[in-house]
C-alpha atoms as a PDB file:
ATOM      1  CA  UNK A   1    -209.979  91.107 -40.755  1.00  0.00           C
ATOM      2  CA  UNK A   2    -207.588  93.427 -38.933  1.00  0.00           C
ATOM      3  CA  UNK A   3    -208.477  95.033 -35.628  1.00  0.00           C
ATOM      4  CA  UNK A   4    -206.628  97.658 -33.678  1.00  0.00           C
ATOM      5  CA  UNK A   5    -204.854  96.383 -30.535  1.00  0.00           C
ATOM      6  CA  UNK A   6    -207.506  98.058 -28.402  1.00  0.00           C
ATOM      7  CA  UNK A   7    -210.376  96.383 -30.245  1.00  0.00           C
ATOM      8  CA  UNK A   8    -208.595  93.053 -29.952  1.00  0.00           C
ATOM      9  CA  UNK A   9    -208.190  93.560 -26.195  1.00  0.00           C
ATOM     10  CA  UNK A  10    -211.870  94.516 -25.824  1.00  0.00           C
ATOM     11  CA  UNK A  11    -213.076  91.533 -27.830  1.00  0.00           C
ATOM     12  CA  UNK A  12    -210.786  89.126 -25.975  1.00  0.00           C
ATOM     13  CA  UNK A  13    -211.915  90.407 -22.575  1.00  0.00           C
ATOM     14  CA  UNK A  14    -215.595  90.164 -23.496  1.00  0.00           C
ATOM     15  CA  UNK A  15    -215.264  86.627 -24.888  1.00  0.00           C
ATOM     16  CA  UNK A  16    -213.415  85.377 -21.811  1.00  0.00           C
ATOM     17  CA  UNK A  17    -215.797  87.087 -19.387  1.00  0.00           C
ATOM     18  CA  UNK A  18    -218.900  85.855 -21.197  1.00  0.00           C
ATOM     19  CA  UNK A  19    -217.607  82.268 -21.305  1.00  0.00           C
ATOM     20  CA  UNK A  20    -216.981  82.427 -17.568  1.00  0.00           C
ATOM     21  CA  UNK A  21    -220.204  84.115 -16.432  1.00  0.00           C
ATOM     22  CA  UNK A  22    -222.757  83.825 -19.230  1.00  0.00           C
ATOM     23  CA  UNK A  23    -223.714  87.448 -18.601  1.00  0.00           C
ATOM     24  CA  UNK A  24    -223.505  90.315 -21.147  1.00  0.00           C
ATOM     25  CA  UNK A  25    -220.428  92.470 -20.548  1.00  0.00           C
ATOM     26  CA  UNK A  26    -220.848  96.226 -20.162  1.00  0.00           C
ATOM     27  CA  UNK A  27    -218.322  99.044 -20.456  1.00  0.00           C
ATOM     28  CA  UNK A  28    -218.125  99.462 -16.670  1.00  0.00           C
ATOM     29  CA  UNK A  29    -217.111  95.814 -16.205  1.00  0.00           C
ATOM     30  CA  UNK A  30    -214.545  96.185 -18.963  1.00  0.00           C
ATOM     31  CA  UNK A  31    -212.731  98.917 -17.070  1.00  0.00           C
ATOM     32  CA  UNK A  32    -211.923  96.282 -14.418  1.00  0.00           C
ATOM     33  CA  UNK A  33    -210.997  93.601 -16.939  1.00  0.00           C
ATOM     34  CA  UNK A  34    -208.545  95.619 -19.067  1.00  0.00           C
ATOM     35  CA  UNK A  35    -205.147  96.870 -18.099  1.00  0.00           C
ATOM     36  CA  UNK A  36    -204.811 100.628 -18.542  1.00  0.00           C
ATOM     37  CA  UNK A  37    -208.457 100.752 -19.523  1.00  0.00           C
ATOM     38  CA  UNK A  38    -209.688 103.909 -21.282  1.00  0.00           C
ATOM     39  CA  UNK A  39    -212.883 105.674 -20.220  1.00  0.00           C
ATOM     40  CA  UNK A  40    -216.256 103.939 -20.325  1.00  0.00           C
ATOM     41  CA  UNK A  41    -217.303 106.232 -23.169  1.00  0.00           C
ATOM     42  CA  UNK A  42    -214.297 105.150 -25.251  1.00  0.00           C
ATOM     43  CA  UNK A  43    -215.023 101.508 -24.507  1.00  0.00           C
ATOM     44  CA  UNK A  44    -218.669 101.924 -25.544  1.00  0.00           C
ATOM     45  CA  UNK A  45    -217.488 103.317 -28.878  1.00  0.00           C
ATOM     46  CA  UNK A  46    -215.145 100.384 -29.373  1.00  0.00           C
ATOM     47  CA  UNK A  47    -217.930  97.931 -28.500  1.00  0.00           C
ATOM     48  CA  UNK A  48    -220.312  99.637 -30.919  1.00  0.00           C
ATOM     49  CA  UNK A  49    -217.764  99.344 -33.729  1.00  0.00           C
ATOM     50  CA  UNK A  50    -217.209  95.656 -32.902  1.00  0.00           C
ATOM     51  CA  UNK A  51    -220.987  95.209 -33.157  1.00  0.00           C
ATOM     52  CA  UNK A  52    -220.953  96.839 -36.594  1.00  0.00           C
ATOM     53  CA  UNK A  53    -218.240  94.388 -37.631  1.00  0.00           C
ATOM     54  CA  UNK A  54    -220.470  91.505 -36.538  1.00  0.00           C
ATOM     55  CA  UNK A  55    -218.128  90.366 -33.752  1.00  0.00           C
ATOM     56  CA  UNK A  56    -220.383  91.382 -30.853  1.00  0.00           C
ATOM     57  CA  UNK A  57    -224.111  91.726 -30.383  1.00  0.00           C
ATOM     58  CA  UNK A  58    -226.293  93.537 -27.870  1.00  0.00           C
ATOM     59  CA  UNK A  59    -229.179  91.389 -26.568  1.00  0.00           C
ATOM     60  CA  UNK A  60    -231.063  94.415 -25.212  1.00  0.00           C
ATOM     61  CA  UNK A  61    -230.721  98.151 -25.606  1.00  0.00           C
ATOM     62  CA  UNK A  62    -229.538  98.704 -22.053  1.00  0.00           C
ATOM     63  CA  UNK A  63    -227.539  95.471 -21.808  1.00  0.00           C
ATOM     64  CA  UNK A  64    -223.856  94.824 -22.356  1.00  0.00           C
ATOM     65  CA  UNK A  65    -222.422  92.909 -25.280  1.00  0.00           C
ATOM     66  CA  UNK A  66    -221.986  89.216 -26.008  1.00  0.00           C
ATOM     67  CA  UNK A  67    -219.793  87.534 -28.632  1.00  0.00           C
ATOM     68  CA  UNK A  68    -221.291  86.383 -31.899  1.00  0.00           C
ATOM     69  CA  UNK A  69    -220.121  83.197 -33.604  1.00  0.00           C
ATOM     70  CA  UNK A  70    -218.003  85.428 -35.819  1.00  0.00           C
ATOM     71  CA  UNK A  71    -216.517  86.946 -32.676  1.00  0.00           C
ATOM     72  CA  UNK A  72    -215.787  83.526 -31.204  1.00  0.00           C
ATOM     73  CA  UNK A  73    -214.112  82.479 -34.464  1.00  0.00           C
ATOM     74  CA  UNK A  74    -211.898  85.558 -34.503  1.00  0.00           C
ATOM     75  CA  UNK A  75    -210.980  84.966 -30.876  1.00  0.00           C
ATOM     76  CA  UNK A  76    -210.094  81.300 -31.517  1.00  0.00           C
ATOM     77  CA  UNK A  77    -208.085  81.969 -34.668  1.00  0.00           C
ATOM     78  CA  UNK A  78    -206.327  85.203 -33.713  1.00  0.00           C
ATOM     79  CA  UNK A  79    -206.474  85.967 -29.992  1.00  0.00           C
ATOM     80  CA  UNK A  80    -206.729  82.769 -27.982  1.00  0.00           C
ATOM     81  CA  UNK A  81    -203.739  81.330 -26.155  1.00  0.00           C
ATOM     82  CA  UNK A  82    -204.527  77.603 -25.734  1.00  0.00           C
ATOM     83  CA  UNK A  83    -203.909  76.097 -22.322  1.00  0.00           C
ATOM     84  CA  UNK A  84    -201.319  73.344 -22.060  1.00  0.00           C
ATOM     85  CA  UNK A  85    -202.612  69.837 -21.407  1.00  0.00           C
ATOM     86  CA  UNK A  86    -201.567  69.209 -17.827  1.00  0.00           C
ATOM     87  CA  UNK A  87    -199.538  66.128 -16.991  1.00  0.00           C
ATOM     88  CA  UNK A  88    -202.334  64.443 -15.061  1.00  0.00           C
ATOM     89  CA  UNK A  89    -204.818  64.762 -17.946  1.00  0.00           C
ATOM     90  CA  UNK A  90    -202.225  63.635 -20.490  1.00  0.00           C
ATOM     91  CA  UNK A  91    -201.459  60.530 -18.441  1.00  0.00           C
ATOM     92  CA  UNK A  92    -205.176  59.815 -18.042  1.00  0.00           C
ATOM     93  CA  UNK A  93    -205.722  59.907 -21.824  1.00  0.00           C
ATOM     94  CA  UNK A  94    -202.647  57.806 -22.561  1.00  0.00           C
ATOM     95  CA  UNK A  95    -203.341  55.259 -19.829  1.00  0.00           C
ATOM     96  CA  UNK A  96    -206.841  54.556 -21.163  1.00  0.00           C
ATOM     97  CA  UNK A  97    -206.244  54.719 -24.917  1.00  0.00           C
ATOM     98  CA  UNK A  98    -202.774  53.156 -25.011  1.00  0.00           C
ATOM     99  CA  UNK A  99    -203.982  49.985 -23.272  1.00  0.00           C
ATOM    100  CA  UNK A 100    -206.758  49.325 -25.783  1.00  0.00           C
ATOM    101  CA  UNK A 101    -206.493  45.828 -27.191  1.00  0.00           C
ATOM    102  CA  UNK A 102    -209.083  45.638 -29.967  1.00  0.00           C
ATOM    103  CA  UNK A 103    -209.481  46.091 -33.703  1.00  0.00           C
ATOM    104  CA  UNK A 104    -208.623  49.599 -35.022  1.00  0.00           C
ATOM    105  CA  UNK A 105    -212.240  50.427 -35.881  1.00  0.00           C
ATOM    106  CA  UNK A 106    -213.307  50.194 -32.222  1.00  0.00           C
ATOM    107  CA  UNK A 107    -210.528  52.346 -30.765  1.00  0.00           C
ATOM    108  CA  UNK A 108    -212.092  55.803 -31.465  1.00  0.00           C
ATOM    109  CA  UNK A 109    -215.179  54.910 -29.417  1.00  0.00           C
ATOM    110  CA  UNK A 110    -213.037  54.350 -26.333  1.00  0.00           C
ATOM    111  CA  UNK A 111    -211.117  57.572 -26.994  1.00  0.00           C
ATOM    112  CA  UNK A 112    -214.418  59.471 -27.275  1.00  0.00           C
ATOM    113  CA  UNK A 113    -215.575  58.051 -23.936  1.00  0.00           C
ATOM    114  CA  UNK A 114    -212.273  59.143 -22.386  1.00  0.00           C
ATOM    115  CA  UNK A 115    -212.580  62.672 -23.788  1.00  0.00           C
ATOM    116  CA  UNK A 116    -216.161  62.924 -22.526  1.00  0.00           C
ATOM    117  CA  UNK A 117    -215.081  61.927 -19.013  1.00  0.00           C
ATOM    118  CA  UNK A 118    -212.262  64.464 -19.132  1.00  0.00           C
ATOM    119  CA  UNK A 119    -214.321  67.428 -20.389  1.00  0.00           C
ATOM    120  CA  UNK A 120    -217.712  66.610 -18.895  1.00  0.00           C
ATOM    121  CA  UNK A 121    -219.298  67.123 -22.328  1.00  0.00           C
ATOM    122  CA  UNK A 122    -220.789  64.867 -24.997  1.00  0.00           C
ATOM    123  CA  UNK A 123    -218.294  63.693 -27.607  1.00  0.00           C
ATOM    124  CA  UNK A 124    -218.429  62.158 -31.044  1.00  0.00           C
ATOM    125  CA  UNK A 125    -216.001  60.055 -33.073  1.00  0.00           C
ATOM    126  CA  UNK A 126    -216.379  59.508 -36.793  1.00  0.00           C
ATOM    127  CA  UNK A 127    -214.274  56.785 -38.445  1.00  0.00           C
ATOM    128  CA  UNK A 128    -213.929  56.917 -42.219  1.00  0.00           C
ATOM    129  CA  UNK A 129    -212.552  54.102 -44.342  1.00  0.00           C
ATOM    130  CA  UNK A 130    -209.963  55.419 -46.780  1.00  0.00           C
ATOM    131  CA  UNK A 131    -210.125  52.345 -49.018  1.00  0.00           C
ATOM    132  CA  UNK A 132    -212.923  49.864 -49.589  1.00  0.00           C
ATOM    133  CA  UNK A 133    -211.965  46.875 -47.408  1.00  0.00           C
ATOM    134  CA  UNK A 134    -211.338  43.395 -48.739  1.00  0.00           C
ATOM    135  CA  UNK A 135    -212.309  40.125 -47.125  1.00  0.00           C
ATOM    136  CA  UNK A 136    -209.244  38.717 -45.406  1.00  0.00           C
ATOM    137  CA  UNK A 137    -210.706  35.705 -43.638  1.00  0.00           C
ATOM    138  CA  UNK A 138    -214.006  33.929 -43.083  1.00  0.00           C
ATOM    139  CA  UNK A 139    -214.317  31.014 -40.696  1.00  0.00           C
ATOM    140  CA  UNK A 140    -216.886  28.885 -38.923  1.00  0.00           C
ATOM    141  CA  UNK A 141    -216.432  27.923 -35.286  1.00  0.00           C
ATOM    142  CA  UNK A 142    -218.702  25.237 -33.777  1.00  0.00           C
ATOM    143  CA  UNK A 143    -220.332  26.372 -30.526  1.00  0.00           C
ATOM    144  CA  UNK A 144    -223.120  23.796 -30.222  1.00  0.00           C
ATOM    145  CA  UNK A 145    -224.638  20.745 -31.894  1.00  0.00           C
ATOM    146  CA  UNK A 146    -226.146  22.793 -34.711  1.00  0.00           C
ATOM    147  CA  UNK A 147    -224.852  26.261 -33.829  1.00  0.00           C
ATOM    148  CA  UNK A 148    -221.869  27.972 -35.457  1.00  0.00           C
ATOM    149  CA  UNK A 149    -220.045  31.242 -34.949  1.00  0.00           C
ATOM    150  CA  UNK A 150    -219.480  32.961 -38.284  1.00  0.00           C
ATOM    151  CA  UNK A 151    -216.346  35.121 -38.252  1.00  0.00           C
ATOM    152  CA  UNK A 152    -215.616  37.714 -40.938  1.00  0.00           C
ATOM    153  CA  UNK A 153    -212.347  39.693 -40.902  1.00  0.00           C
ATOM    154  CA  UNK A 154    -211.366  42.401 -43.400  1.00  0.00           C
ATOM    155  CA  UNK A 155    -207.906  43.525 -44.416  1.00  0.00           C
ATOM    156  CA  UNK A 156    -208.267  46.769 -42.457  1.00  0.00           C
ATOM    157  CA  UNK A 157    -208.849  44.934 -39.194  1.00  0.00           C
ATOM    158  CA  UNK A 158    -212.617  44.951 -38.880  1.00  0.00           C
ATOM    159  CA  UNK A 159    -214.229  41.949 -37.270  1.00  0.00           C
ATOM    160  CA  UNK A 160    -217.866  40.961 -37.634  1.00  0.00           C
ATOM    161  CA  UNK A 161    -219.428  37.855 -36.169  1.00  0.00           C
ATOM    162  CA  UNK A 162    -222.809  36.291 -35.705  1.00  0.00           C
ATOM    163  CA  UNK A 163    -224.245  33.053 -34.387  1.00  0.00           C
ATOM    164  CA  UNK A 164    -226.021  30.992 -37.013  1.00  0.00           C
ATOM    165  CA  UNK A 165    -227.850  27.677 -36.926  1.00  0.00           C
ATOM    166  CA  UNK A 166    -226.767  25.066 -39.444  1.00  0.00           C
ATOM    167  CA  UNK A 167    -229.065  22.371 -40.747  1.00  0.00           C
ATOM    168  CA  UNK A 168    -228.616  18.714 -39.852  1.00  0.00           C
ATOM    169  CA  UNK A 169    -227.160  18.055 -43.303  1.00  0.00           C
ATOM    170  CA  UNK A 170    -224.312  20.520 -42.778  1.00  0.00           C
ATOM    171  CA  UNK A 171    -221.660  17.851 -42.220  1.00  0.00           C
ATOM    172  CA  UNK A 172    -217.880  17.917 -42.631  1.00  0.00           C
ATOM    173  CA  UNK A 173    -218.198  17.490 -46.378  1.00  0.00           C
ATOM    174  CA  UNK A 174    -220.530  20.460 -46.655  1.00  0.00           C
ATOM    175  CA  UNK A 175    -218.233  22.484 -44.411  1.00  0.00           C
ATOM    176  CA  UNK A 176    -215.249  21.757 -46.653  1.00  0.00           C
ATOM    177  CA  UNK A 177    -217.315  22.739 -49.685  1.00  0.00           C
ATOM    178  CA  UNK A 178    -218.250  26.002 -47.965  1.00  0.00           C
ATOM    179  CA  UNK A 179    -214.643  26.850 -47.041  1.00  0.00           C
ATOM    180  CA  UNK A 180    -213.407  26.022 -50.552  1.00  0.00           C
ATOM    181  CA  UNK A 181    -216.002  28.328 -52.091  1.00  0.00           C
ATOM    182  CA  UNK A 182    -215.042  31.078 -49.655  1.00  0.00           C
ATOM    183  CA  UNK A 183    -211.371  30.730 -50.626  1.00  0.00           C
ATOM    184  CA  UNK A 184    -212.128  30.706 -54.347  1.00  0.00           C
ATOM    185  CA  UNK A 185    -215.040  33.138 -54.627  1.00  0.00           C
ATOM    186  CA  UNK A 186    -215.088  35.424 -51.577  1.00  0.00           C
ATOM    187  CA  UNK A 187    -211.663  35.790 -49.976  1.00  0.00           C
ATOM    188  CA  UNK A 188    -209.815  38.831 -51.346  1.00  0.00           C
ATOM    189  CA  UNK A 189    -212.959  40.421 -52.782  1.00  0.00           C
ATOM    190  CA  UNK A 190    -213.763  44.015 -51.887  1.00  0.00           C
ATOM    191  CA  UNK A 191    -216.877  44.415 -49.771  1.00  0.00           C
ATOM    192  CA  UNK A 192    -218.862  46.265 -52.433  1.00  0.00           C
ATOM    193  CA  UNK A 193    -218.505  43.318 -54.846  1.00  0.00           C
ATOM    194  CA  UNK A 194    -220.350  40.978 -52.529  1.00  0.00           C
ATOM    195  CA  UNK A 195    -223.871  41.928 -53.549  1.00  0.00           C
ATOM    196  CA  UNK A 196    -227.008  39.842 -54.011  1.00  0.00           C
ATOM    197  CA  UNK A 197    -226.303  39.000 -57.654  1.00  0.00           C
ATOM    198  CA  UNK A 198    -222.801  37.792 -56.824  1.00  0.00           C
ATOM    199  CA  UNK A 199    -224.132  35.713 -53.926  1.00  0.00           C
ATOM    200  CA  UNK A 200    -226.462  33.877 -56.318  1.00  0.00           C
ATOM    201  CA  UNK A 201    -223.547  32.996 -58.578  1.00  0.00           C
ATOM    202  CA  UNK A 202    -221.576  31.731 -55.571  1.00  0.00           C
ATOM    203  CA  UNK A 203    -224.473  29.514 -54.448  1.00  0.00           C
ATOM    204  CA  UNK A 204    -224.783  28.142 -57.960  1.00  0.00           C
ATOM    205  CA  UNK A 205    -221.136  27.075 -57.811  1.00  0.00           C
ATOM    206  CA  UNK A 206    -221.820  24.938 -54.733  1.00  0.00           C
ATOM    207  CA  UNK A 207    -223.336  22.159 -56.790  1.00  0.00           C
ATOM    208  CA  UNK A 208    -224.797  19.290 -54.766  1.00  0.00           C
ATOM    209  CA  UNK A 209    -224.222  21.112 -51.469  1.00  0.00           C
ATOM    210  CA  UNK A 210    -225.986  24.331 -52.553  1.00  0.00           C
ATOM    211  CA  UNK A 211    -229.052  23.789 -50.343  1.00  0.00           C
ATOM    212  CA  UNK A 212    -226.943  22.799 -47.331  1.00  0.00           C
ATOM    213  CA  UNK A 213    -224.632  25.814 -47.399  1.00  0.00           C
ATOM    214  CA  UNK A 214    -227.072  28.434 -48.748  1.00  0.00           C
ATOM    215  CA  UNK A 215    -228.202  29.658 -45.252  1.00  0.00           C
ATOM    216  CA  UNK A 216    -224.577  30.075 -44.196  1.00  0.00           C
ATOM    217  CA  UNK A 217    -223.569  31.858 -47.414  1.00  0.00           C
ATOM    218  CA  UNK A 218    -226.585  34.121 -46.968  1.00  0.00           C
ATOM    219  CA  UNK A 219    -225.377  34.934 -43.439  1.00  0.00           C
ATOM    220  CA  UNK A 220    -221.913  35.723 -44.842  1.00  0.00           C
ATOM    221  CA  UNK A 221    -223.273  38.219 -47.355  1.00  0.00           C
ATOM    222  CA  UNK A 222    -225.615  39.791 -44.800  1.00  0.00           C
ATOM    223  CA  UNK A 223    -222.702  40.192 -42.379  1.00  0.00           C
ATOM    224  CA  UNK A 224    -220.496  41.752 -45.054  1.00  0.00           C
ATOM    225  CA  UNK A 225    -223.275  44.207 -45.961  1.00  0.00           C
ATOM    226  CA  UNK A 226    -223.100  45.582 -42.401  1.00  0.00           C
ATOM    227  CA  UNK A 227    -219.532  46.819 -42.920  1.00  0.00           C
ATOM    228  CA  UNK A 228    -219.897  50.566 -43.345  1.00  0.00           C
ATOM    229  CA  UNK A 229    -217.608  53.035 -45.126  1.00  0.00           C
ATOM    230  CA  UNK A 230    -218.095  55.390 -42.182  1.00  0.00           C
ATOM    231  CA  UNK A 231    -219.018  54.787 -38.558  1.00  0.00           C
ATOM    232  CA  UNK A 232    -220.140  57.299 -35.932  1.00  0.00           C
ATOM    233  CA  UNK A 233    -220.047  56.880 -32.158  1.00  0.00           C
ATOM    234  CA  UNK A 234    -221.689  59.340 -29.756  1.00  0.00           C
ATOM    235  CA  UNK A 235    -220.736  59.318 -26.075  1.00  0.00           C
ATOM    236  CA  UNK A 236    -222.293  61.250 -23.196  1.00  0.00           C
ATOM    237  CA  UNK A 237    -225.875  61.252 -24.456  1.00  0.00           C
ATOM    238  CA  UNK A 238    -227.206  61.934 -20.948  1.00  0.00           C
ATOM    239  CA  UNK A 239    -224.992  65.032 -20.767  1.00  0.00           C
ATOM    240  CA  UNK A 240    -226.417  66.197 -24.077  1.00  0.00           C
ATOM    241  CA  UNK A 241    -229.967  65.992 -22.706  1.00  0.00           C
ATOM    242  CA  UNK A 242    -228.971  68.204 -19.760  1.00  0.00           C
ATOM    243  CA  UNK A 243    -227.180  70.651 -22.072  1.00  0.00           C
ATOM    244  CA  UNK A 244    -229.990  71.142 -24.592  1.00  0.00           C
ATOM    245  CA  UNK A 245    -232.948  73.461 -24.123  1.00  0.00           C
ATOM    246  CA  UNK A 246    -235.417  70.627 -24.705  1.00  0.00           C
ATOM    247  CA  UNK A 247    -235.534  66.841 -24.885  1.00  0.00           C
ATOM    248  CA  UNK A 248    -236.724  67.083 -28.498  1.00  0.00           C
ATOM    249  CA  UNK A 249    -233.627  69.081 -29.501  1.00  0.00           C
ATOM    250  CA  UNK A 250    -231.361  66.519 -27.823  1.00  0.00           C
ATOM    251  CA  UNK A 251    -233.091  63.645 -29.618  1.00  0.00           C
ATOM    252  CA  UNK A 252    -232.731  65.423 -32.956  1.00  0.00           C
ATOM    253  CA  UNK A 253    -229.019  66.035 -32.393  1.00  0.00           C
ATOM    254  CA  UNK A 254    -228.492  62.386 -31.424  1.00  0.00           C
ATOM    255  CA  UNK A 255    -230.361  61.243 -34.534  1.00  0.00           C
ATOM    256  CA  UNK A 256    -228.336  63.616 -36.715  1.00  0.00           C
ATOM    257  CA  UNK A 257    -224.964  62.613 -35.298  1.00  0.00           C
ATOM    258  CA  UNK A 258    -225.649  58.907 -35.681  1.00  0.00           C
ATOM    259  CA  UNK A 259    -225.924  59.296 -39.451  1.00  0.00           C
ATOM    260  CA  UNK A 260    -222.374  59.294 -40.879  1.00  0.00           C
ATOM    261  CA  UNK A 261    -223.212  61.168 -44.070  1.00  0.00           C
ATOM    262  CA  UNK A 262    -224.562  64.153 -42.119  1.00  0.00           C
ATOM    263  CA  UNK A 263    -221.793  64.294 -39.536  1.00  0.00           C
ATOM    264  CA  UNK A 264    -218.965  63.980 -42.067  1.00  0.00           C
ATOM    265  CA  UNK A 265    -220.467  66.776 -44.177  1.00  0.00           C
ATOM    266  CA  UNK A 266    -220.299  69.008 -41.078  1.00  0.00           C
ATOM    267  CA  UNK A 267    -216.856  68.019 -39.824  1.00  0.00           C
ATOM    268  CA  UNK A 268    -215.188  68.180 -43.224  1.00  0.00           C
ATOM    269  CA  UNK A 269    -215.592  71.962 -43.021  1.00  0.00           C
ATOM    270  CA  UNK A 270    -212.785  72.022 -40.472  1.00  0.00           C
ATOM    271  CA  UNK A 271    -209.746  73.718 -41.944  1.00  0.00           C
ATOM    272  CA  UNK A 272    -206.566  72.057 -40.684  1.00  0.00           C
ATOM    273  CA  UNK A 273    -206.079  69.472 -37.971  1.00  0.00           C
ATOM    274  CA  UNK A 274    -208.404  71.088 -35.414  1.00  0.00           C
ATOM    275  CA  UNK A 275    -211.113  73.689 -35.449  1.00  0.00           C
ATOM    276  CA  UNK A 276    -214.391  74.913 -34.025  1.00  0.00           C
ATOM    277  CA  UNK A 277    -217.674  74.834 -35.918  1.00  0.00           C
ATOM    278  CA  UNK A 278    -220.815  76.693 -34.942  1.00  0.00           C
ATOM    279  CA  UNK A 279    -224.300  75.314 -35.429  1.00  0.00           C
ATOM    280  CA  UNK A 280    -225.560  78.499 -37.035  1.00  0.00           C
ATOM    281  CA  UNK A 281    -222.991  77.963 -39.814  1.00  0.00           C
ATOM    282  CA  UNK A 282    -224.574  74.617 -40.725  1.00  0.00           C
ATOM    283  CA  UNK A 283    -227.894  73.818 -42.353  1.00  0.00           C
ATOM    284  CA  UNK A 284    -229.187  72.026 -39.276  1.00  0.00           C
ATOM    285  CA  UNK A 285    -231.617  73.911 -37.076  1.00  0.00           C
ATOM    286  CA  UNK A 286    -231.071  71.613 -34.099  1.00  0.00           C
ATOM    287  CA  UNK A 287    -227.423  72.725 -33.901  1.00  0.00           C
ATOM    288  CA  UNK A 288    -228.126  76.466 -33.803  1.00  0.00           C
ATOM    289  CA  UNK A 289    -226.997  76.982 -30.204  1.00  0.00           C
ATOM    290  CA  UNK A 290    -224.097  74.560 -30.192  1.00  0.00           C
ATOM    291  CA  UNK A 291    -220.395  74.573 -30.956  1.00  0.00           C
ATOM    292  CA  UNK A 292    -218.372  71.569 -32.081  1.00  0.00           C
ATOM    293  CA  UNK A 293    -214.644  71.350 -31.417  1.00  0.00           C
ATOM    294  CA  UNK A 294    -213.158  68.585 -33.547  1.00  0.00           C
ATOM    295  CA  UNK A 295    -209.717  67.296 -34.500  1.00  0.00           C
ATOM    296  CA  UNK A 296    -208.628  64.960 -37.286  1.00  0.00           C
ATOM    297  CA  UNK A 297    -206.954  61.612 -36.695  1.00  0.00           C
ATOM    298  CA  UNK A 298    -205.741  58.806 -38.929  1.00  0.00           C
ATOM    299  CA  UNK A 299    -204.928  55.130 -38.647  1.00  0.00           C
ATOM    300  CA  UNK A 300    -202.270  54.190 -41.137  1.00  0.00           C
ATOM    301  CA  UNK A 301    -203.432  54.402 -44.739  1.00  0.00           C
ATOM    302  CA  UNK A 302    -206.768  52.678 -44.138  1.00  0.00           C
ATOM    303  CA  UNK A 303    -208.604  54.897 -41.652  1.00  0.00           C
ATOM    304  CA  UNK A 304    -209.127  58.573 -41.002  1.00  0.00           C
ATOM    305  CA  UNK A 305    -211.697  60.465 -39.005  1.00  0.00           C
ATOM    306  CA  UNK A 306    -212.633  63.097 -36.461  1.00  0.00           C
ATOM    307  CA  UNK A 307    -213.017  63.187 -32.722  1.00  0.00           C
ATOM    308  CA  UNK A 308    -214.860  66.105 -31.204  1.00  0.00           C
ATOM    309  CA  UNK A 309    -216.662  67.708 -28.302  1.00  0.00           C
ATOM    310  CA  UNK A 310    -220.179  69.156 -28.467  1.00  0.00           C
ATOM    311  CA  UNK A 311    -221.049  72.065 -26.218  1.00  0.00           C
ATOM    312  CA  UNK A 312    -222.774  75.414 -25.929  1.00  0.00           C
ATOM    313  CA  UNK A 313    -221.296  78.400 -27.774  1.00  0.00           C
ATOM    314  CA  UNK A 314    -219.751  79.692 -24.557  1.00  0.00           C
ATOM    315  CA  UNK A 315    -217.561  76.628 -24.202  1.00  0.00           C
ATOM    316  CA  UNK A 316    -214.043  76.849 -22.743  1.00  0.00           C
ATOM    317  CA  UNK A 317    -212.190  76.806 -26.064  1.00  0.00           C
ATOM    318  CA  UNK A 318    -208.813  77.484 -24.444  1.00  0.00           C
ATOM    319  CA  UNK A 319    -208.946  74.222 -22.491  1.00  0.00           C
ATOM    320  CA  UNK A 320    -211.054  71.907 -24.604  1.00  0.00           C
ATOM    321  CA  UNK A 321    -209.296  72.447 -27.934  1.00  0.00           C
ATOM    322  CA  UNK A 322    -205.898  71.274 -26.566  1.00  0.00           C
ATOM    323  CA  UNK A 323    -207.549  68.241 -24.912  1.00  0.00           C
ATOM    324  CA  UNK A 324    -209.273  67.330 -28.170  1.00  0.00           C
ATOM    325  CA  UNK A 325    -206.121  67.774 -30.246  1.00  0.00           C
ATOM    326  CA  UNK A 326    -204.027  65.741 -27.804  1.00  0.00           C
ATOM    327  CA  UNK A 327    -206.583  62.919 -27.808  1.00  0.00           C
ATOM    328  CA  UNK A 328    -206.563  62.908 -31.623  1.00  0.00           C
ATOM    329  CA  UNK A 329    -202.761  62.652 -31.609  1.00  0.00           C
ATOM    330  CA  UNK A 330    -202.759  59.691 -29.209  1.00  0.00           C
ATOM    331  CA  UNK A 331    -205.581  58.135 -31.226  1.00  0.00           C
ATOM    332  CA  UNK A 332    -203.530  58.418 -34.423  1.00  0.00           C
ATOM    333  CA  UNK A 333    -200.517  56.785 -32.778  1.00  0.00           C
ATOM    334  CA  UNK A 334    -202.513  53.885 -31.322  1.00  0.00           C
ATOM    335  CA  UNK A 335    -204.625  53.236 -34.428  1.00  0.00           C
ATOM    336  CA  UNK A 336    -201.562  53.277 -36.684  1.00  0.00           C
ATOM    337  CA  UNK A 337    -199.847  50.781 -34.398  1.00  0.00           C
ATOM    338  CA  UNK A 338    -202.946  48.586 -34.204  1.00  0.00           C
ATOM    339  CA  UNK A 339    -203.305  48.627 -37.982  1.00  0.00           C
ATOM    340  CA  UNK A 340    -199.699  47.469 -38.460  1.00  0.00           C
ATOM    341  CA  UNK A 341    -200.213  44.668 -35.954  1.00  0.00           C
ATOM    342  CA  UNK A 342    -203.339  43.512 -37.785  1.00  0.00           C
ATOM    343  CA  UNK A 343    -201.375  43.319 -41.042  1.00  0.00           C
ATOM    344  CA  UNK A 344    -198.504  41.290 -39.576  1.00  0.00           C
END
């Protein structure tokens, strides 16, 4: 869509004023907002034509105009001049994220918490596994007379653990049998192969120790089944409750965003490395009055994902989009480094 320079100036002024005040913008106010402003009558004509193009709307007959989602999109893609990330904010993001010492899968959650603190808005991080992970290591660590810590590590750096109780007959011989079976039958297998039918064949191979190690093998397969192909983390839930028009709407958004298949279907509509999505452009009623600013990140060749901010339509796109994009960049750097360290 091409607009005349005057229409672009009118739309830009209205978007910026509405984001700042939340009040419809009339032609009289525009004369103060525009340099070399034409008459109020000329501005009303321009505003009417922008309404016909679907970029503005008029809430009431006698009221001024407000941007539509189409108007916001045009502003973001064609008119907005993003603010630079100031040095203090950049150092804050780097100081928190760069010092993370954990497996790659957990890093986006900390980055999302950092972005929420910086913007004062709820944030979401979605981590997607590029390849189905393989089992790299499984071990048992004694923590009590009959208690063991089961440790499962995948080749993409995920760690799962649980405390299990071994029977009195689980002696050193049974432990060696268990570890040998893991090395022969489980280690190196992709997660999706370790289903119930395969577990039964593994137990059958245990021979005389089958009954002794069956509870532990069952715990292994249950733990592996918890490794997801996508993981979603939502931060700033209390902020979301304050932002939404009702508690029910907030609960519905939280429920929606905690389901990876729904969130990824929304965020994958982003064209490029960063973008803004509007709730009315999705199929979810609970998102109708929200905007999502999200940026892509990656972690070597094993992870990708999105980190984003959730807010009202009249969000400060000029400031929040650069913050989100910068956080995604730092996240990519740190996750890629963490992934390499896990492989070494």
